Protein backbone atom coordinates (compact mmCIF):
# COMPACT_ATOMS: atom_id res chain seq x y z
CA PRO A 1 -11.30 9.08 8.51
CA PRO A 2 -9.75 7.43 5.45
CA ARG A 3 -12.01 6.59 2.52
CA SER A 4 -11.58 3.24 0.82
CA THR A 5 -12.11 2.84 -2.89
CA LEU A 6 -11.90 0.03 -5.38
CA PHE A 7 -10.92 1.64 -8.67
CA PRO A 8 -7.71 1.92 -10.70
CA TYR A 9 -6.12 5.25 -11.58
CA THR A 10 -2.87 6.56 -13.01
CA THR A 11 -0.02 6.23 -10.55
CA LEU A 12 3.17 8.20 -10.13
CA PHE A 13 5.20 5.32 -8.89
CA ARG A 14 4.64 1.61 -8.74
CA SER A 15 6.52 -1.33 -7.31
CA THR A 16 6.29 -5.00 -8.14
CA ILE A 17 7.94 -7.56 -5.92
CA PHE A 18 7.88 -11.28 -5.63
CA GLY A 19 8.10 -13.20 -2.38
CA PHE A 20 8.35 -16.92 -1.78
CA GLY A 21 6.25 -19.31 -3.86
CA GLY A 22 3.11 -17.62 -5.11
CA LEU A 23 3.16 -14.69 -2.66
CA SER A 24 3.57 -11.56 -4.76
CA PHE A 25 2.58 -7.92 -4.88
CA ARG A 26 0.86 -7.05 -8.14
CA THR A 27 0.91 -3.33 -7.32
CA TRP A 28 1.95 -0.98 -4.53
CA SER A 29 1.53 2.62 -5.58
CA ALA A 30 0.46 6.15 -4.71
CA ASP A 31 -1.02 8.83 -6.91
CA LYS A 32 1.27 11.52 -5.40
CA ALA A 33 4.85 11.39 -4.18
CA VAL A 34 4.55 14.86 -2.60
CA VAL A 35 1.52 16.44 -0.89
CA ALA A 36 0.87 19.75 0.83
CA PRO A 37 -0.06 19.68 4.53
CA GLY A 38 -3.65 18.42 4.83
CA GLU A 39 -3.71 17.08 1.27
CA VAL A 40 -4.93 13.53 0.55
CA ALA A 41 -2.93 10.90 -1.31
CA HIS A 42 -4.39 7.65 -2.62
CA ILE A 43 -2.45 4.42 -2.07
CA CYS A 44 -3.32 1.16 -3.83
CA TYR A 45 -2.04 -2.36 -3.41
CA GLY A 46 -2.72 -5.73 -4.97
CA ILE A 47 -1.39 -9.01 -3.67
CA VAL A 48 -1.66 -12.64 -4.69
CA ASP A 49 -1.66 -15.67 -2.36
CA ALA A 50 -1.57 -13.66 0.89
CA LYS A 51 -3.32 -14.72 4.05
CA THR A 52 -2.64 -11.47 5.94
CA VAL A 53 -1.66 -7.92 5.00
CA LYS A 54 -0.67 -5.08 7.31
CA ILE A 55 0.62 -1.54 6.92
CA ASP A 56 2.89 0.49 9.16
CA PRO A 57 2.16 3.11 10.26
CA PRO A 58 -1.39 1.78 10.65
CA VAL A 59 -3.94 3.47 8.40
CA GLU A 60 -6.80 0.99 8.28
CA ASP A 61 -7.24 -2.75 8.62
CA LEU A 62 -5.99 -4.25 5.38
CA LYS A 63 -7.07 -7.53 3.86
CA PRO A 64 -5.58 -9.55 1.04
CA SER A 65 -6.95 -8.17 -2.22
CA TYR A 66 -6.11 -8.12 -5.92
CA LEU A 67 -6.78 -4.36 -5.81
CA HIS A 68 -7.58 -2.19 -2.82
CA CYS A 69 -7.13 1.57 -2.49
CA PHE A 70 -7.29 3.84 0.53
CA ASP A 71 -6.66 7.49 1.37
CA VAL A 72 -3.95 8.89 3.61
CA THR A 73 -3.39 12.43 4.86
CA PRO A 74 0.13 12.40 6.26
CA LYS A 75 1.03 15.25 8.64
CA LYS A 76 4.75 14.84 7.89
CA THR A 77 6.84 12.92 5.39
CA THR A 78 5.89 9.30 5.97
CA THR A 79 7.21 5.96 4.76
CA TYR A 80 4.46 3.34 4.56
CA THR A 81 5.56 -0.29 4.78
CA ILE A 82 3.19 -2.99 3.60
CA THR A 83 3.87 -6.56 4.71
CA ALA A 84 2.03 -9.64 3.49
CA ALA A 85 2.24 -13.22 4.73
CA ASP A 86 1.07 -16.43 3.10
CA ALA A 87 -0.40 -19.51 4.78
CA ALA A 88 3.09 -21.01 5.24
CA GLY A 89 4.35 -17.90 7.06
CA HIS A 90 6.52 -16.55 4.24
CA THR A 91 6.50 -12.75 4.13
CA ALA A 92 7.13 -10.02 1.58
CA SER A 93 7.34 -6.27 2.25
CA GLN A 94 7.57 -3.09 0.26
CA LYS A 95 7.99 0.59 1.21
CA LEU A 96 6.55 3.77 -0.23
CA THR A 97 7.28 7.33 0.92
CA ILE A 98 4.99 10.34 0.62
CA GLN A 99 6.69 13.67 1.29
CA VAL A 100 4.84 16.56 2.92
CA ARG A 101 6.00 20.03 1.82
């Protein structure tokens, strides 16, 4: 099962996006862009003014947070899409791909 952590670390890639109004991703990053089969990667996100947050493919139940990290162990190259919505229903999404080699 994935392990959740609440600590910052150096990231290989990071995205910052802005949605409507105050809805914005502060961070969306992974510590590895490429993993070996069975290897763990750590993904972190931070979002402002979100009411809901979800990830596809599902990894764990996500909640709005200024910083939340979780572990993934992809079996094949996987693109994770995070989507956040604010109280007015505006949404913002971002994608991140972890390759398995």
